[in-house]
Amino acid sequence: MTKSIADYKAILAKYLPDEALDDVFKYLMTNGISFVITNKRRTKLGDYRWPQRDKKFHRITVNGDLNRYAFFLVLLHEIAHYEMYMKYKNTIKPHGEEWQRCYRDLLVRYIDVFPSDIKPLMLKYTSAIPLKKTIEHAIMDALRIYDGNSADYCDTALLKDLPLNTTFVSPDGRVFKMLEKRRTRYKCILLSTGQIYLVPGSMRVKTCDIE
């Protein structure tokens, strides 16, 4: 059975933050980009391919094992490659100054989509060209706390369905206590360090008892 446009959007909704879904879906459809969600790849998180003799369309792929925020970050990275190809073809360096400025501008445009505890790193990363790889890696590391979207995370519950003061284990193994609700996110304390995080209510977590 042929999938409808609504079906494709529903699939994409499983991988993107809600705030970015409409914009991204419209962008992909308007520009006729073939978008493929792949299995985990060890050598890359995503890629962009311009039209070839045997494939006469633009193609972006992103690994489907990433959490929603990391998935969106990688997608913006690849969209910047598409934008640069459309403007310069293949006459510039893949990650040269032109690409960096385009990627930076995309991140600034969508910075409010990312969790507030990640924003300081995002602002630091986008503050100057050239972009710094060390900060980019720090952002990806920080986003691991949101890895709770995988379907195989057993014995879990949505954070928003748990009562305040619940102690829980995040998908990366860290233990938090939920303190208060902040719109769609929850103020939580990391018990090992006392650091405060704003965790989305849509994260799947495992409850635990601390003596």
Protein backbone atom coordinates (compact mmCIF):
# COMPACT_ATOMS: atom_id res chain seq x y z
CA MET A 1 0.00 0.00 0.00
CA THR A 2 1.34 3.42 -0.98
CA LYS A 3 1.99 5.74 1.95
CA SER A 4 0.26 9.12 2.02
CA ILE A 5 1.91 12.44 2.84
CA ALA A 6 0.35 12.20 6.31
CA ASP A 7 1.94 8.76 6.75
CA TYR A 8 5.39 10.12 5.96
CA LYS A 9 4.91 13.01 8.37
CA ALA A 10 3.81 10.59 11.09
CA ILE A 11 7.00 8.59 10.61
CA LEU A 12 9.13 11.73 10.80
CA ALA A 13 7.29 12.76 13.98
CA LYS A 14 8.82 9.76 15.77
CA TYR A 15 12.33 11.13 15.27
CA LEU A 16 12.11 14.93 15.52
CA PRO A 17 11.29 17.36 18.35
CA ASP A 18 7.66 18.45 18.03
CA GLU A 19 8.67 22.10 17.61
CA ALA A 20 10.69 21.30 14.47
CA LEU A 21 8.37 18.82 12.75
CA ASP A 22 6.27 21.16 10.60
CA ASP A 23 9.22 23.23 9.39
CA VAL A 24 11.37 20.23 8.53
CA PHE A 25 8.59 18.32 6.78
CA LYS A 26 7.65 21.36 4.69
CA TYR A 27 11.31 21.97 3.81
CA LEU A 28 11.93 18.40 2.65
CA MET A 29 8.73 18.31 0.62
CA THR A 30 9.21 21.74 -0.95
CA ASN A 31 12.77 20.99 -2.04
CA GLY A 32 12.08 17.45 -3.24
CA ILE A 33 14.74 15.93 -1.00
CA SER A 34 14.77 12.17 -0.63
CA PHE A 35 15.09 11.67 3.12
CA VAL A 36 16.09 8.27 4.47
CA ILE A 37 16.23 7.17 8.11
CA THR A 38 18.89 4.47 8.33
CA ASN A 39 20.03 1.87 10.81
CA LYS A 40 22.98 2.72 13.05
CA ARG A 41 26.21 3.27 11.13
CA ARG A 42 29.58 3.16 12.86
CA THR A 43 31.34 5.55 10.50
CA LYS A 44 28.79 8.37 10.26
CA LEU A 45 25.61 9.81 11.74
CA GLY A 46 24.25 11.24 8.50
CA ASP A 47 25.16 12.31 4.98
CA TYR A 48 24.06 14.33 1.97
CA ARG A 49 24.39 13.23 -1.66
CA TRP A 50 23.74 15.51 -4.62
CA PRO A 51 22.07 14.09 -7.76
CA GLN A 52 24.03 11.44 -9.64
CA ARG A 53 23.57 9.80 -13.03
CA ASP A 54 21.75 6.85 -11.50
CA LYS A 55 19.96 8.82 -8.76
CA LYS A 56 18.66 12.12 -10.07
CA PHE A 57 17.59 13.61 -6.76
CA HIS A 58 19.07 15.11 -3.61
CA ARG A 59 19.36 12.59 -0.78
CA ILE A 60 19.85 13.06 2.97
CA THR A 61 20.22 10.19 5.40
CA VAL A 62 20.29 10.27 9.21
CA ASN A 63 20.81 7.39 11.63
CA GLY A 64 17.56 6.33 13.24
CA ASP A 65 19.10 5.29 16.56
CA LEU A 66 19.72 8.91 17.61
CA ASN A 67 17.53 10.70 20.14
CA ARG A 68 15.26 13.44 18.80
CA TYR A 69 17.63 16.33 19.52
CA ALA A 70 20.75 14.61 18.18
CA PHE A 71 18.74 13.52 15.13
CA PHE A 72 17.67 17.12 14.49
CA LEU A 73 21.22 18.40 14.98
CA VAL A 74 22.58 15.94 12.40
CA LEU A 75 19.73 16.76 10.01
CA LEU A 76 20.55 20.49 10.19
CA HIS A 77 24.18 19.62 9.47
CA GLU A 78 23.12 17.79 6.29
CA ILE A 79 20.63 20.48 5.26
CA ALA A 80 23.52 22.95 5.37
CA HIS A 81 25.37 20.71 2.90
CA TYR A 82 22.32 20.73 0.62
CA GLU A 83 22.06 24.52 0.84
CA MET A 84 25.73 24.94 -0.04
CA TYR A 85 25.50 22.57 -3.00
CA MET A 86 22.53 24.49 -4.35
CA LYS A 87 24.49 27.75 -4.06
CA TYR A 88 28.03 26.68 -4.97
CA LYS A 89 27.70 23.14 -6.39
CA ASN A 90 30.89 21.29 -5.41
CA THR A 91 33.28 24.23 -5.79
CA ILE A 92 33.82 24.82 -2.04
CA LYS A 93 35.23 22.74 0.79
CA PRO A 94 32.61 20.46 2.41
CA HIS A 95 33.07 22.01 5.86
CA GLY A 96 34.60 25.30 4.81
CA GLU A 97 33.65 28.78 5.97
CA GLU A 98 30.58 28.99 3.72
CA TRP A 99 29.14 25.76 5.08
CA GLN A 100 29.99 26.73 8.66
CA ARG A 101 28.10 30.02 8.34
CA CYS A 102 25.06 28.29 6.88
CA TYR A 103 25.07 25.62 9.61
CA ARG A 104 25.57 28.27 12.29
CA ASP A 105 22.61 30.25 10.98
CA LEU A 106 20.39 27.14 11.03
CA LEU A 107 21.37 26.38 14.62
CA VAL A 108 20.65 29.95 15.69
CA ARG A 109 17.25 29.84 13.96
CA TYR A 110 16.25 26.66 15.79
CA ILE A 111 18.12 27.08 19.07
CA ASP A 112 14.86 27.23 21.08
CA VAL A 113 14.02 23.70 19.89
CA PHE A 114 16.93 22.31 21.93
CA PRO A 115 16.75 21.74 25.72
CA SER A 116 17.60 24.76 27.85
CA ASP A 117 20.46 22.95 29.60
CA ILE A 118 22.14 22.51 26.20
CA LYS A 119 21.69 26.14 25.11
CA PRO A 120 24.85 27.52 26.77
CA LEU A 121 26.94 25.12 24.68
CA MET A 122 24.91 25.92 21.57
CA LEU A 123 25.42 29.65 22.09
CA LYS A 124 29.13 29.14 22.63
CA TYR A 125 29.36 26.97 19.51
CA THR A 126 27.56 29.49 17.29
CA SER A 127 29.30 32.59 18.66
CA ALA A 128 32.20 32.61 16.20
CA ILE A 129 33.48 31.24 12.90
CA PRO A 130 35.32 28.90 12.55
CA LEU A 131 33.12 26.54 14.54
CA LYS A 132 35.03 24.58 17.15
CA LYS A 133 34.97 20.79 16.91
CA THR A 134 35.57 20.41 20.64
CA ILE A 135 32.33 22.25 21.42
CA GLU A 136 30.43 20.27 18.78
CA HIS A 137 31.58 17.05 20.43
CA ALA A 138 30.61 18.42 23.86
CA ILE A 139 27.09 19.15 22.55
CA MET A 140 26.68 15.60 21.26
CA ASP A 141 27.95 14.22 24.59
CA ALA A 142 25.55 16.45 26.52
CA LEU A 143 22.63 15.29 24.38
CA ARG A 144 23.14 11.69 25.47
CA ILE A 145 20.96 12.34 28.49
CA TYR A 146 18.06 12.40 26.04
CA ASP A 147 18.72 8.94 24.64
CA GLY A 148 15.51 7.57 26.19
CA ASN A 149 13.51 7.37 22.98
CA SER A 150 14.50 3.84 21.95
CA ALA A 151 11.72 1.28 21.82
CA ASP A 152 13.84 -1.39 23.51
CA TYR A 153 14.27 0.54 26.78
CA CYS A 154 12.47 -1.90 29.06
CA ASP A 155 10.47 -1.30 32.22
CA THR A 156 10.21 2.40 31.56
CA ALA A 157 7.65 5.18 31.91
CA LEU A 158 7.28 8.66 30.49
CA LEU A 159 8.71 11.16 32.94
CA LYS A 160 5.57 13.30 32.68
CA ASP A 161 3.48 10.38 33.98
CA LEU A 162 5.48 10.08 37.21
CA PRO A 163 4.77 12.02 40.44
CA LEU A 164 7.12 14.75 41.63
CA ASN A 165 10.01 13.64 43.88
CA THR A 166 10.33 10.38 41.95
CA THR A 167 13.88 9.08 41.69
CA PHE A 168 14.69 7.67 38.27
CA VAL A 169 17.48 6.34 36.09
CA SER A 170 18.04 8.01 32.72
CA PRO A 171 18.90 5.92 29.65
CA ASP A 172 22.60 6.70 30.09
CA GLY A 173 22.55 5.27 33.64
CA ARG A 174 22.54 8.46 35.69
CA VAL A 175 20.24 8.80 38.71
CA PHE A 176 18.00 11.87 39.05
CA LYS A 177 15.26 13.13 41.31
CA MET A 178 12.34 15.02 39.75
CA LEU A 179 11.74 18.32 41.59
CA GLU A 180 9.18 20.42 39.74
CA LYS A 181 7.40 20.91 36.42
CA ARG A 182 8.50 23.63 33.98
CA ARG A 183 6.01 23.64 31.09
CA THR A 184 6.89 20.53 29.02
CA ARG A 185 10.11 19.85 30.94
CA TYR A 186 10.90 18.93 34.51
CA LYS A 187 13.53 20.36 36.81
CA CYS A 188 15.60 17.40 37.98
CA ILE A 189 18.70 17.08 40.14
CA LEU A 190 21.53 14.71 39.24
CA LEU A 191 22.12 13.02 42.59
CA SER A 192 25.81 12.30 42.05
CA THR A 193 26.75 15.95 41.49
CA GLY A 194 23.81 18.11 42.55
CA GLN A 195 23.64 19.63 39.06
CA ILE A 196 20.21 20.72 37.82
CA TYR A 197 18.84 19.64 34.45
CA LEU A 198 15.60 20.38 32.61
CA VAL A 199 14.46 17.02 31.30
CA PRO A 200 11.63 16.68 28.73
CA GLY A 201 8.49 14.98 29.96
CA SER A 202 8.58 12.75 26.88
CA MET A 203 11.78 11.01 28.02
CA ARG A 204 11.32 7.36 28.96
CA VAL A 205 12.97 6.56 32.31
CA LYS A 206 13.21 3.77 34.82
CA THR A 207 12.14 4.45 38.39
CA CYS A 208 14.35 3.36 41.26
CA ASP A 209 14.48 3.46 45.07
CA ILE A 210 17.37 5.16 46.86
CA GLU A 211 17.95 4.22 50.48
